Amino acid sequence: MSSIFFGVSGAFIAVLLLTKLFIVYSKKWGFVAIPNARSSHHTPTPTSGGVVFVVVIFVTWLLLAVADRIDQRLVFTLLVGGGAL
């Protein structure tokens, strides 16, 4: 049970740090929403930050499955279902 706690805690910290990093680089790479008349923001806003969350969660599931801490069939189902979306 403690390995699941550490896995989830590590994933949480990774999402926080990598999202911040992604925001910095998304401005350099041009992943920004340019405001127009219908926008609720007035300055270019970074987009696609959810990609970091999805990748970190998938990697965490895979690592926990490889370490045999969660059922591999569950991970396979989640990965296939999440990938299909």
Protein backbone atom coordinates (compact mmCIF):
# COMPACT_ATOMS: atom_id res chain seq x y z
CA MET A 1 0.00 0.00 0.00
CA SER A 2 2.84 2.43 0.73
CA SER A 3 4.24 2.02 -2.79
CA ILE A 4 0.89 3.15 -4.22
CA PHE A 5 0.99 6.20 -1.93
CA PHE A 6 4.52 7.05 -3.07
CA GLY A 7 3.56 6.46 -6.70
CA VAL A 8 0.57 8.78 -6.48
CA SER A 9 2.56 11.37 -4.51
CA GLY A 10 5.35 11.23 -7.06
CA ALA A 11 2.86 11.61 -9.89
CA PHE A 12 1.32 14.65 -8.17
CA ILE A 13 4.71 16.33 -7.78
CA ALA A 14 5.69 15.43 -11.35
CA VAL A 15 2.47 16.94 -12.71
CA LEU A 16 3.08 20.17 -10.78
CA LEU A 17 6.68 20.54 -11.92
CA LEU A 18 6.24 19.37 -15.50
CA THR A 19 3.14 21.52 -16.04
CA LYS A 20 5.10 24.60 -14.98
CA LEU A 21 7.92 23.58 -17.32
CA PHE A 22 5.45 22.91 -20.13
CA ILE A 23 3.92 26.37 -19.69
CA VAL A 24 7.33 27.99 -20.08
CA TYR A 25 8.17 25.99 -23.20
CA SER A 26 4.68 26.21 -24.72
CA LYS A 27 5.19 29.94 -25.12
CA LYS A 28 8.48 29.32 -26.94
CA TRP A 29 6.99 26.56 -29.12
CA GLY A 30 3.88 28.56 -30.00
CA PHE A 31 1.31 26.44 -28.12
CA VAL A 32 -0.71 29.48 -27.13
CA ALA A 33 -4.28 30.60 -27.66
CA ILE A 34 -4.30 34.00 -29.32
CA PRO A 35 -7.23 36.07 -28.00
CA ASN A 36 -9.94 37.19 -30.36
CA ALA A 37 -13.30 38.95 -29.95
CA ARG A 38 -14.91 35.86 -28.35
CA SER A 39 -12.05 35.12 -25.93
CA SER A 40 -12.28 35.57 -22.19
CA HIS A 41 -8.57 36.41 -21.96
CA HIS A 42 -6.68 39.41 -23.30
CA THR A 43 -3.14 38.03 -23.53
CA PRO A 44 -1.86 34.90 -25.29
CA THR A 45 -2.51 31.92 -22.99
CA PRO A 46 -0.60 28.61 -23.00
CA THR A 47 -2.66 25.62 -24.13
CA SER A 48 -2.33 21.82 -24.03
CA GLY A 49 -1.23 21.64 -20.37
CA GLY A 50 -3.48 18.61 -19.88
CA VAL A 51 -1.10 16.56 -22.01
CA VAL A 52 1.39 16.56 -19.12
CA PHE A 53 -1.27 15.24 -16.73
CA VAL A 54 -2.29 12.41 -19.05
CA VAL A 55 1.29 11.31 -19.78
CA VAL A 56 2.29 11.34 -16.10
CA ILE A 57 -0.81 9.35 -15.07
CA PHE A 58 -0.22 6.76 -17.81
CA VAL A 59 3.44 6.37 -16.82
CA THR A 60 2.47 6.04 -13.14
CA TRP A 61 -0.05 3.31 -13.97
CA LEU A 62 2.53 1.46 -16.02
CA LEU A 63 5.19 1.68 -13.30
CA LEU A 64 2.76 0.47 -10.63
CA ALA A 65 1.69 -2.41 -12.88
CA VAL A 66 5.29 -3.40 -13.61
CA ALA A 67 6.04 -3.31 -9.88
CA ASP A 68 2.97 -5.55 -9.43
CA ARG A 69 1.28 -3.08 -7.07
CA ILE A 70 -1.93 -2.82 -9.07
CA ASP A 71 -3.68 -5.32 -11.30
CA GLN A 72 -2.14 -5.36 -14.78
CA ARG A 73 -5.51 -6.08 -16.38
CA LEU A 74 -6.89 -2.90 -14.82
CA VAL A 75 -3.96 -0.87 -16.14
CA PHE A 76 -4.36 -2.36 -19.61
CA THR A 77 -8.07 -1.50 -19.57
CA LEU A 78 -7.40 2.06 -18.40
CA LEU A 79 -4.65 2.64 -20.94
CA VAL A 80 -6.62 1.26 -23.86
CA GLY A 81 -9.78 3.09 -22.80
CA GLY A 82 -7.92 6.33 -22.14
CA GLY A 83 -6.01 6.01 -25.38
CA ALA A 84 -9.24 5.51 -27.30
CA LEU A 85 -10.56 8.82 -26.03
